[in-house]
Protein backbone atom coordinates (compact mmCIF):
# COMPACT_ATOMS: atom_id res chain seq x y z
CA MET A 1 51.82 -45.34 26.45
CA ARG A 2 48.97 -46.99 28.45
CA THR A 3 46.34 -49.44 27.81
CA GLY A 4 43.49 -47.10 26.69
CA GLU A 5 45.41 -43.68 26.42
CA ARG A 6 45.62 -42.16 23.15
CA ARG A 7 48.82 -40.81 21.71
CA GLY A 8 49.43 -37.40 23.79
CA GLU A 9 47.14 -38.11 26.51
CA GLY A 10 49.65 -39.59 29.18
CA ARG A 11 49.38 -38.74 33.09
CA ARG A 12 49.92 -34.56 33.53
CA ARG A 13 50.87 -35.48 36.97
CA GLY A 14 54.15 -34.08 38.14
CA ARG A 15 56.35 -32.38 40.50
CA GLY A 16 55.02 -29.14 39.33
CA GLY A 17 57.51 -28.77 36.46
CA MET A 18 57.07 -26.95 33.39
CA GLY A 19 54.29 -28.34 31.25
CA THR A 20 52.26 -30.09 33.91
CA ARG A 21 49.10 -28.59 34.31
CA THR A 22 46.31 -30.67 35.72
CA ARG A 23 42.72 -29.15 34.66
CA LYS A 24 39.82 -29.49 37.52
CA VAL A 25 36.99 -31.61 36.47
CA LEU A 26 33.96 -29.06 36.04
CA SER A 27 30.53 -30.28 36.61
CA GLY A 28 27.77 -29.78 33.86
CA LEU A 29 26.50 -26.59 35.34
CA GLN A 30 29.56 -25.14 36.41
CA ARG A 31 30.61 -25.75 32.50
CA GLU A 32 27.17 -23.95 31.59
CA VAL A 33 28.01 -21.10 33.77
CA LEU A 34 31.52 -20.90 32.31
CA GLY A 35 30.34 -21.18 28.98
CA LEU A 36 27.67 -18.18 29.64
CA TYR A 37 30.55 -15.91 30.97
CA ARG A 38 32.38 -16.45 27.54
CA GLY A 39 29.47 -15.75 25.56
CA PHE A 40 29.58 -12.35 27.31
CA LEU A 41 32.72 -11.87 26.78
CA ARG A 42 32.42 -12.80 22.73
CA ALA A 43 29.27 -10.66 22.50
CA ALA A 44 31.30 -7.60 24.30
CA ARG A 45 33.92 -8.02 21.46
CA ARG A 46 30.99 -7.24 18.89
CA LYS A 47 30.35 -4.06 20.19
CA GLY A 48 32.22 -0.62 20.34
CA PRO A 49 35.70 -0.30 22.31
CA GLU A 50 33.78 2.15 24.67
CA GLU A 51 30.58 -0.45 25.36
CA ARG A 52 32.96 -3.13 25.35
CA SER A 53 34.73 -2.01 28.52
CA GLU A 54 31.69 -1.53 30.16
CA ILE A 55 30.26 -4.76 29.28
CA GLU A 56 32.94 -6.63 30.23
CA ALA A 57 33.35 -4.77 33.64
CA VAL A 58 29.59 -5.41 34.51
CA VAL A 59 29.89 -9.13 33.50
CA ARG A 60 32.90 -9.48 35.56
CA SER A 61 31.31 -8.00 38.89
CA GLU A 62 27.89 -9.43 38.37
CA PHE A 63 29.60 -13.09 37.78
CA ARG A 64 31.74 -12.07 41.13
CA LYS A 65 29.16 -11.07 42.92
CA MET A 66 27.04 -14.05 42.30
CA ALA A 67 29.66 -16.25 43.01
CA VAL A 68 29.58 -15.03 46.06
CA LEU A 69 26.16 -14.71 46.95
CA VAL A 70 24.93 -17.93 45.57
CA ASP A 71 25.66 -21.47 47.21
CA ALA A 72 26.76 -23.53 44.44
CA LYS A 73 24.65 -26.57 46.05
CA ASP A 74 21.67 -24.59 45.56
CA PHE A 75 20.83 -26.38 41.92
CA MET A 76 17.68 -24.65 41.54
CA ARG A 77 19.00 -20.91 41.65
CA VAL A 78 22.16 -21.72 39.95
CA GLU A 79 19.39 -22.87 36.87
CA TYR A 80 17.01 -20.19 37.24
CA LEU A 81 20.34 -17.46 37.22
CA LEU A 82 21.73 -19.28 34.09
CA ARG A 83 18.32 -18.96 32.25
CA ARG A 84 18.36 -15.63 33.53
CA GLY A 85 21.79 -14.48 31.86
CA LYS A 86 21.30 -16.64 28.55
CA LYS A 87 18.06 -14.38 27.96
CA GLN A 88 20.15 -11.55 28.72
CA LEU A 89 22.55 -12.58 26.48
CA GLU A 90 20.33 -12.95 23.73
CA GLN A 91 19.47 -9.67 24.25
CA LEU A 92 22.93 -8.34 24.31
CA ASN A 93 23.57 -9.94 20.95
CA THR A 94 20.85 -8.17 19.30
CA PRO A 95 22.23 -5.19 17.13
CA GLU A 96 20.05 -2.91 18.93
CA THR A 97 21.44 -3.61 22.17
CA LEU A 98 24.71 -1.45 22.82
CA SER A 99 25.25 -2.03 26.64
CA ILE A 100 23.90 -3.57 29.66
CA SER A 101 23.35 -2.81 33.21
CA SER A 102 23.74 -4.73 36.75
CA LEU A 103 20.46 -5.59 38.50
CA LYS A 104 19.69 -6.12 42.03
CA PRO A 105 19.05 -10.39 42.18
CA PRO A 106 15.49 -11.30 43.23
């Protein structure tokens, strides 16, 4: 074990063998986007089966579409979309909301 490493936290670099996975280091905004995506999927699980599949499809397509349309270095736009997504997620988490729809980006 090397100095500064905890047990079980050895290097994970290898020759591509089994069990040698490296994680990509994510920025703060990337972690927020990923967390928002997971939040939508969690919210979808709390809806009915038909609504769940529809919500998952809309969320998946919207996130993929925005990944292509929005430059990752346009921080103002990414932060705006995060705020907008959090509001939509908050709305989806209410029991009265059954589904979501896709909207055109402003």
